[in-house]
Amino acid sequence: MKHKKLLSANWKNVFEIYLEYKKTLSPLESMKKMRKDFPQITFEEAKEIMIICDTNYNSIEEYQGSILEDIKKIIEN
């Protein structure tokens, strides 16, 4: 998503729209609705929107790196 223009509708950006959906839908259902309403958003971009909104991570790369570190710690112990 870093190199794509931030999408918006009705003066709300995609992050605000995702959070609106999430008030009544699960995170995965919200991601699915986002892709339906904004077909130009890829699955990976929708997943990154979900991760940024639902976690303390600022990117999908940061999130995935954290998971790898957690797995390494579990395996090593």
PDB file of N, CA and C in Angstrom:
ATOM      1  N   MET A   1       0.809  -1.202   0.000  1.00  0.00           N
ATOM      2  CA  MET A   1       0.000   0.000   0.000  1.00  0.00           C
ATOM      3  C   MET A   1       0.843   1.253   0.000  1.00  0.00           C
ATOM      4  N   LYS A   2       2.116   1.125   0.275  1.00  0.00           N
ATOM      5  CA  LYS A   2       2.971   2.293   0.407  1.00  0.00           C
ATOM      6  C   LYS A   2       3.000   3.134  -0.860  1.00  0.00           C
ATOM      7  N   HIS A   3       2.958   2.493  -2.027  1.00  0.00           N
ATOM      8  CA  HIS A   3       3.090   3.252  -3.253  1.00  0.00           C
ATOM      9  C   HIS A   3       1.763   3.508  -3.952  1.00  0.00           C
ATOM     10  N   LYS A   4       0.660   3.132  -3.354  1.00  0.00           N
ATOM     11  CA  LYS A   4      -0.644   3.431  -3.934  1.00  0.00           C
ATOM     12  C   LYS A   4      -1.265   4.633  -3.234  1.00  0.00           C
ATOM     13  N   LYS A   5      -2.003   5.387  -4.008  1.00  0.00           N
ATOM     14  CA  LYS A   5      -2.698   6.539  -3.436  1.00  0.00           C
ATOM     15  C   LYS A   5      -3.732   6.055  -2.424  1.00  0.00           C
ATOM     16  N   LEU A   6      -3.800   6.700  -1.281  1.00  0.00           N
ATOM     17  CA  LEU A   6      -4.761   6.332  -0.241  1.00  0.00           C
ATOM     18  C   LEU A   6      -6.176   6.551  -0.762  1.00  0.00           C
ATOM     19  N   LEU A   7      -6.974   5.535  -0.712  1.00  0.00           N
ATOM     20  CA  LEU A   7      -8.349   5.598  -1.197  1.00  0.00           C
ATOM     21  C   LEU A   7      -9.254   6.201  -0.137  1.00  0.00           C
ATOM     22  N   SER A   8     -10.322   6.820  -0.606  1.00  0.00           N
ATOM     23  CA  SER A   8     -11.287   7.360   0.336  1.00  0.00           C
ATOM     24  C   SER A   8     -12.675   7.380  -0.298  1.00  0.00           C
ATOM     25  N   ALA A   9     -13.670   7.461   0.557  1.00  0.00           N
ATOM     26  CA  ALA A   9     -15.059   7.581   0.133  1.00  0.00           C
ATOM     27  C   ALA A   9     -15.793   8.372   1.197  1.00  0.00           C
ATOM     28  N   ASN A  10     -16.617   9.281   0.766  1.00  0.00           N
ATOM     29  CA  ASN A  10     -17.388  10.103   1.704  1.00  0.00           C
ATOM     30  C   ASN A  10     -16.496  10.742   2.765  1.00  0.00           C
ATOM     31  N   TRP A  11     -15.349  11.222   2.345  1.00  0.00           N
ATOM     32  CA  TRP A  11     -14.403  11.937   3.207  1.00  0.00           C
ATOM     33  C   TRP A  11     -13.760  11.056   4.273  1.00  0.00           C
ATOM     34  N   LYS A  12     -13.834   9.752   4.126  1.00  0.00           N
ATOM     35  CA  LYS A  12     -13.175   8.836   5.057  1.00  0.00           C
ATOM     36  C   LYS A  12     -12.126   8.048   4.283  1.00  0.00           C
ATOM     37  N   ASN A  13     -10.965   7.815   4.913  1.00  0.00           N
ATOM     38  CA  ASN A  13      -9.961   7.000   4.241  1.00  0.00           C
ATOM     39  C   ASN A  13     -10.242   5.521   4.488  1.00  0.00           C
ATOM     40  N   VAL A  14      -9.494   4.649   3.834  1.00  0.00           N
ATOM     41  CA  VAL A  14      -9.766   3.213   3.932  1.00  0.00           C
ATOM     42  C   VAL A  14      -9.638   2.678   5.356  1.00  0.00           C
ATOM     43  N   PHE A  15      -8.786   3.272   6.157  1.00  0.00           N
ATOM     44  CA  PHE A  15      -8.638   2.822   7.540  1.00  0.00           C
ATOM     45  C   PHE A  15      -9.899   3.154   8.346  1.00  0.00           C
ATOM     46  N   GLU A  16     -10.413   4.341   8.159  1.00  0.00           N
ATOM     47  CA  GLU A  16     -11.650   4.730   8.847  1.00  0.00           C
ATOM     48  C   GLU A  16     -12.829   3.877   8.371  1.00  0.00           C
ATOM     49  N   ILE A  17     -12.861   3.591   7.086  1.00  0.00           N
ATOM     50  CA  ILE A  17     -13.938   2.774   6.529  1.00  0.00           C
ATOM     51  C   ILE A  17     -13.870   1.357   7.087  1.00  0.00           C
ATOM     52  N   TYR A  18     -12.665   0.790   7.135  1.00  0.00           N
ATOM     53  CA  TYR A  18     -12.498  -0.549   7.719  1.00  0.00           C
ATOM     54  C   TYR A  18     -13.010  -0.576   9.161  1.00  0.00           C
ATOM     55  N   LEU A  19     -12.633   0.432   9.948  1.00  0.00           N
ATOM     56  CA  LEU A  19     -13.066   0.479  11.346  1.00  0.00           C
ATOM     57  C   LEU A  19     -14.582   0.618  11.463  1.00  0.00           C
ATOM     58  N   GLU A  20     -15.209   1.315  10.516  1.00  0.00           N
ATOM     59  CA  GLU A  20     -16.674   1.409  10.499  1.00  0.00           C
ATOM     60  C   GLU A  20     -17.284   0.026  10.250  1.00  0.00           C
ATOM     61  N   TYR A  21     -16.745  -0.691   9.261  1.00  0.00           N
ATOM     62  CA  TYR A  21     -17.239  -2.034   8.970  1.00  0.00           C
ATOM     63  C   TYR A  21     -17.094  -2.939  10.189  1.00  0.00           C
ATOM     64  N   LYS A  22     -15.965  -2.789  10.875  1.00  0.00           N
ATOM     65  CA  LYS A  22     -15.651  -3.680  11.991  1.00  0.00           C
ATOM     66  C   LYS A  22     -16.597  -3.496  13.181  1.00  0.00           C
ATOM     67  N   LYS A  23     -17.338  -2.433  13.204  1.00  0.00           N
ATOM     68  CA  LYS A  23     -18.303  -2.225  14.284  1.00  0.00           C
ATOM     69  C   LYS A  23     -19.395  -3.290  14.250  1.00  0.00           C
ATOM     70  N   THR A  24     -19.689  -3.822  13.065  1.00  0.00           N
ATOM     71  CA  THR A  24     -20.758  -4.814  12.933  1.00  0.00           C
ATOM     72  C   THR A  24     -20.298  -6.128  12.306  1.00  0.00           C
ATOM     73  N   LEU A  25     -19.073  -6.160  11.793  1.00  0.00           N
ATOM     74  CA  LEU A  25     -18.560  -7.354  11.122  1.00  0.00           C
ATOM     75  C   LEU A  25     -17.264  -7.827  11.777  1.00  0.00           C
ATOM     76  N   SER A  26     -16.926  -9.076  11.559  1.00  0.00           N
ATOM     77  CA  SER A  26     -15.639  -9.587  12.037  1.00  0.00           C
ATOM     78  C   SER A  26     -14.521  -8.949  11.206  1.00  0.00           C
ATOM     79  N   PRO A  27     -13.275  -9.034  11.666  1.00  0.00           N
ATOM     80  CA  PRO A  27     -12.178  -8.478  10.870  1.00  0.00           C
ATOM     81  C   PRO A  27     -12.118  -9.049   9.446  1.00  0.00           C
ATOM     82  N   LEU A  28     -12.282 -10.361   9.306  1.00  0.00           N
ATOM     83  CA  LEU A  28     -12.223 -10.958   7.964  1.00  0.00           C
ATOM     84  C   LEU A  28     -13.408 -10.557   7.100  1.00  0.00           C
ATOM     85  N   GLU A  29     -14.588 -10.456   7.699  1.00  0.00           N
ATOM     86  CA  GLU A  29     -15.756  -9.989   6.948  1.00  0.00           C
ATOM     87  C   GLU A  29     -15.585  -8.526   6.555  1.00  0.00           C
ATOM     88  N   SER A  30     -14.983  -7.739   7.419  1.00  0.00           N
ATOM     89  CA  SER A  30     -14.710  -6.326   7.117  1.00  0.00           C
ATOM     90  C   SER A  30     -13.727  -6.210   5.955  1.00  0.00           C
ATOM     91  N   MET A  31     -12.713  -7.058   5.965  1.00  0.00           N
ATOM     92  CA  MET A  31     -11.727  -7.070   4.889  1.00  0.00           C
ATOM     93  C   MET A  31     -12.405  -7.462   3.567  1.00  0.00           C
ATOM     94  N   LYS A  32     -13.288  -8.453   3.615  1.00  0.00           N
ATOM     95  CA  LYS A  32     -14.010  -8.890   2.419  1.00  0.00           C
ATOM     96  C   LYS A  32     -14.898  -7.773   1.874  1.00  0.00           C
ATOM     97  N   LYS A  33     -15.604  -7.082   2.770  1.00  0.00           N
ATOM     98  CA  LYS A  33     -16.479  -5.980   2.344  1.00  0.00           C
ATOM     99  C   LYS A  33     -15.653  -4.842   1.750  1.00  0.00           C
ATOM    100  N   MET A  34     -14.497  -4.578   2.345  1.00  0.00           N
ATOM    101  CA  MET A  34     -13.609  -3.529   1.832  1.00  0.00           C
ATOM    102  C   MET A  34     -13.222  -3.842   0.384  1.00  0.00           C
ATOM    103  N   ARG A  35     -12.879  -5.110   0.121  1.00  0.00           N
ATOM    104  CA  ARG A  35     -12.478  -5.491  -1.234  1.00  0.00           C
ATOM    105  C   ARG A  35     -13.656  -5.418  -2.201  1.00  0.00           C
ATOM    106  N   LYS A  36     -14.855  -5.700  -1.710  1.00  0.00           N
ATOM    107  CA  LYS A  36     -16.037  -5.606  -2.578  1.00  0.00           C
ATOM    108  C   LYS A  36     -16.324  -4.145  -2.921  1.00  0.00           C
ATOM    109  N   ASP A  37     -16.251  -3.286  -1.930  1.00  0.00           N
ATOM    110  CA  ASP A  37     -16.545  -1.861  -2.131  1.00  0.00           C
ATOM    111  C   ASP A  37     -15.419  -1.126  -2.863  1.00  0.00           C
ATOM    112  N   PHE A  38     -14.191  -1.629  -2.717  1.00  0.00           N
ATOM    113  CA  PHE A  38     -13.028  -1.031  -3.371  1.00  0.00           C
ATOM    114  C   PHE A  38     -12.292  -2.131  -4.140  1.00  0.00           C
ATOM    115  N   PRO A  39     -12.793  -2.529  -5.310  1.00  0.00           N
ATOM    116  CA  PRO A  39     -12.193  -3.648  -6.041  1.00  0.00           C
ATOM    117  C   PRO A  39     -10.736  -3.421  -6.447  1.00  0.00           C
ATOM    118  N   GLN A  40     -10.296  -2.197  -6.435  1.00  0.00           N
ATOM    119  CA  GLN A  40      -8.897  -1.906  -6.784  1.00  0.00           C
ATOM    120  C   GLN A  40      -7.921  -2.267  -5.660  1.00  0.00           C
ATOM    121  N   ILE A  41      -8.442  -2.565  -4.468  1.00  0.00           N
ATOM    122  CA  ILE A  41      -7.593  -2.968  -3.347  1.00  0.00           C
ATOM    123  C   ILE A  41      -7.300  -4.462  -3.483  1.00  0.00           C
ATOM    124  N   THR A  42      -6.035  -4.816  -3.444  1.00  0.00           N
ATOM    125  CA  THR A  42      -5.649  -6.223  -3.515  1.00  0.00           C
ATOM    126  C   THR A  42      -5.915  -6.899  -2.170  1.00  0.00           C
ATOM    127  N   PHE A  43      -5.870  -8.235  -2.185  1.00  0.00           N
ATOM    128  CA  PHE A  43      -6.027  -8.985  -0.943  1.00  0.00           C
ATOM    129  C   PHE A  43      -4.944  -8.579   0.057  1.00  0.00           C
ATOM    130  N   GLU A  44      -3.701  -8.453  -0.429  1.00  0.00           N
ATOM    131  CA  GLU A  44      -2.582  -8.088   0.446  1.00  0.00           C
ATOM    132  C   GLU A  44      -2.779  -6.705   1.058  1.00  0.00           C
ATOM    133  N   GLU A  45      -3.286  -5.769   0.273  1.00  0.00           N
ATOM    134  CA  GLU A  45      -3.534  -4.424   0.795  1.00  0.00           C
ATOM    135  C   GLU A  45      -4.646  -4.439   1.840  1.00  0.00           C
ATOM    136  N   ALA A  46      -5.698  -5.191   1.584  1.00  0.00           N
ATOM    137  CA  ALA A  46      -6.789  -5.304   2.564  1.00  0.00           C
ATOM    138  C   ALA A  46      -6.278  -5.931   3.855  1.00  0.00           C
ATOM    139  N   LYS A  47      -5.416  -6.927   3.720  1.00  0.00           N
ATOM    140  CA  LYS A  47      -4.836  -7.569   4.904  1.00  0.00           C
ATOM    141  C   LYS A  47      -3.970  -6.569   5.674  1.00  0.00           C
ATOM    142  N   GLU A  48      -3.225  -5.740   4.958  1.00  0.00           N
ATOM    143  CA  GLU A  48      -2.387  -4.748   5.627  1.00  0.00           C
ATOM    144  C   GLU A  48      -3.248  -3.706   6.350  1.00  0.00           C
ATOM    145  N   ILE A  49      -4.346  -3.301   5.750  1.00  0.00           N
ATOM    146  CA  ILE A  49      -5.272  -2.370   6.409  1.00  0.00           C
ATOM    147  C   ILE A  49      -5.776  -2.992   7.706  1.00  0.00           C
ATOM    148  N   MET A  50      -6.156  -4.283   7.645  1.00  0.00           N
ATOM    149  CA  MET A  50      -6.638  -4.983   8.831  1.00  0.00           C
ATOM    150  C   MET A  50      -5.556  -5.034   9.906  1.00  0.00           C
ATOM    151  N   ILE A  51      -4.333  -5.370   9.530  1.00  0.00           N
ATOM    152  CA  ILE A  51      -3.235  -5.465  10.498  1.00  0.00           C
ATOM    153  C   ILE A  51      -2.948  -4.110  11.134  1.00  0.00           C
ATOM    154  N   ILE A  52      -2.898  -3.065  10.339  1.00  0.00           N
ATOM    155  CA  ILE A  52      -2.608  -1.727  10.872  1.00  0.00           C
ATOM    156  C   ILE A  52      -3.717  -1.277  11.827  1.00  0.00           C
ATOM    157  N   CYS A  53      -4.961  -1.569  11.480  1.00  0.00           N
ATOM    158  CA  CYS A  53      -6.081  -1.140  12.326  1.00  0.00           C
ATOM    159  C   CYS A  53      -6.238  -1.985  13.589  1.00  0.00           C
ATOM    160  N   ASP A  54      -5.901  -3.268  13.502  1.00  0.00           N
ATOM    161  CA  ASP A  54      -6.193  -4.186  14.601  1.00  0.00           C
ATOM    162  C   ASP A  54      -4.996  -4.527  15.483  1.00  0.00           C
ATOM    163  N   THR A  55      -3.812  -4.031  15.143  1.00  0.00           N
ATOM    164  CA  THR A  55      -2.614  -4.343  15.928  1.00  0.00           C
ATOM    165  C   THR A  55      -1.819  -3.057  16.170  1.00  0.00           C
ATOM    166  N   ASN A  56      -0.676  -3.212  16.806  1.00  0.00           N
ATOM    167  CA  ASN A  56       0.218  -2.068  17.023  1.00  0.00           C
ATOM    168  C   ASN A  56       1.283  -1.955  15.943  1.00  0.00           C
ATOM    169  N   TYR A  57       1.149  -2.740  14.884  1.00  0.00           N
ATOM    170  CA  TYR A  57       2.144  -2.725  13.810  1.00  0.00           C
ATOM    171  C   TYR A  57       1.770  -1.701  12.752  1.00  0.00           C
ATOM    172  N   ASN A  58       2.802  -1.153  12.082  1.00  0.00           N
ATOM    173  CA  ASN A  58       2.598  -0.114  11.079  1.00  0.00           C
ATOM    174  C   ASN A  58       2.681  -0.623   9.650  1.00  0.00           C
ATOM    175  N   SER A  59       2.968  -1.909   9.484  1.00  0.00           N
ATOM    176  CA  SER A  59       3.038  -2.493   8.144  1.00  0.00           C
ATOM    177  C   SER A  59       2.929  -3.995   8.244  1.00  0.00           C
ATOM    178  N   ILE A  60       2.646  -4.606   7.125  1.00  0.00           N
ATOM    179  CA  ILE A  60       2.557  -6.064   7.099  1.00  0.00           C
ATOM    180  C   ILE A  60       3.940  -6.683   7.303  1.00  0.00           C
ATOM    181  N   GLU A  61       4.979  -6.015   6.806  1.00  0.00           N
ATOM    182  CA  GLU A  61       6.349  -6.519   6.979  1.00  0.00           C
ATOM    183  C   GLU A  61       6.736  -6.554   8.453  1.00  0.00           C
ATOM    184  N   GLU A  62       6.393  -5.504   9.166  1.00  0.00           N
ATOM    185  CA  GLU A  62       6.682  -5.430  10.601  1.00  0.00           C
ATOM    186  C   GLU A  62       5.938  -6.545  11.345  1.00  0.00           C
ATOM    187  N   TYR A  63       4.693  -6.758  10.992  1.00  0.00           N
ATOM    188  CA  TYR A  63       3.874  -7.800  11.617  1.00  0.00           C
ATOM    189  C   TYR A  63       4.453  -9.185  11.356  1.00  0.00           C
ATOM    190  N   GLN A  64       4.785  -9.463  10.097  1.00  0.00           N
ATOM    191  CA  GLN A  64       5.331 -10.773   9.749  1.00  0.00           C
ATOM    192  C   GLN A  64       6.693 -11.003  10.395  1.00  0.00           C
ATOM    193  N   GLY A  65       7.507  -9.963  10.484  1.00  0.00           N
ATOM    194  CA  GLY A  65       8.794 -10.084  11.161  1.00  0.00           C
ATOM    195  C   GLY A  65       8.626 -10.438  12.620  1.00  0.00           C
ATOM    196  N   SER A  66       7.632  -9.876  13.258  1.00  0.00           N
ATOM    197  CA  SER A  66       7.350 -10.163  14.659  1.00  0.00           C
ATOM    198  C   SER A  66       6.933 -11.616  14.842  1.00  0.00           C
ATOM    199  N   ILE A  67       6.114 -12.109  13.940  1.00  0.00           N
ATOM    200  CA  ILE A  67       5.668 -13.502  14.027  1.00  0.00           C
ATOM    201  C   ILE A  67       6.863 -14.442  13.904  1.00  0.00           C
ATOM    202  N   LEU A  68       7.771 -14.144  12.977  1.00  0.00           N
ATOM    203  CA  LEU A  68       8.963 -14.978  12.815  1.00  0.00           C
ATOM    204  C   LEU A  68       9.791 -15.012  14.091  1.00  0.00           C
ATOM    205  N   GLU A  69       9.949 -13.866  14.715  1.00  0.00           N
ATOM    206  CA  GLU A  69      10.712 -13.812  15.972  1.00  0.00           C
ATOM    207  C   GLU A  69      10.019 -14.627  17.065  1.00  0.00           C
ATOM    208  N   ASP A  70       8.697 -14.539  17.147  1.00  0.00           N
ATOM    209  CA  ASP A  70       7.949 -15.324  18.143  1.00  0.00           C
ATOM    210  C   ASP A  70       8.108 -16.814  17.905  1.00  0.00           C
ATOM    211  N   ILE A  71       8.051 -17.234  16.644  1.00  0.00           N
ATOM    212  CA  ILE A  71       8.224 -18.656  16.307  1.00  0.00           C
ATOM    213  C   ILE A  71       9.614 -19.134  16.670  1.00  0.00           C
ATOM    214  N   LYS A  72      10.627 -18.323  16.363  1.00  0.00           N
ATOM    215  CA  LYS A  72      12.006 -18.680  16.710  1.00  0.00           C
ATOM    216  C   LYS A  72      12.156 -18.871  18.218  1.00  0.00           C
ATOM    217  N   LYS A  73      11.563 -17.991  19.015  1.00  0.00           N
ATOM    218  CA  LYS A  73      11.650 -18.091  20.473  1.00  0.00           C
ATOM    219  C   LYS A  73      11.004 -19.368  20.970  1.00  0.00           C
ATOM    220  N   ILE A  74       9.854 -19.732  20.391  1.00  0.00           N
ATOM    221  CA  ILE A  74       9.144 -20.939  20.805  1.00  0.00           C
ATOM    222  C   ILE A  74       9.976 -22.172  20.440  1.00  0.00           C
ATOM    223  N   ILE A  75      10.523 -22.206  19.250  1.00  0.00           N
ATOM    224  CA  ILE A  75      11.315 -23.356  18.797  1.00  0.00           C
ATOM    225  C   ILE A  75      12.579 -23.513  19.613  1.00  0.00           C
ATOM    226  N   GLU A  76      13.216 -22.417  19.957  1.00  0.00           N
ATOM    227  CA  GLU A  76      14.481 -22.470  20.671  1.00  0.00           C
ATOM    228  C   GLU A  76      14.320 -22.840  22.149  1.00  0.00           C
ATOM    229  N   ASN A  77      13.155 -22.687  22.710  1.00  0.00           N
ATOM    230  CA  ASN A  77      12.926 -22.999  24.137  1.00  0.00           C
ATOM    231  C   ASN A  77      12.349 -24.364  24.345  1.00  0.00           C
TER     232      ASN A  77
END
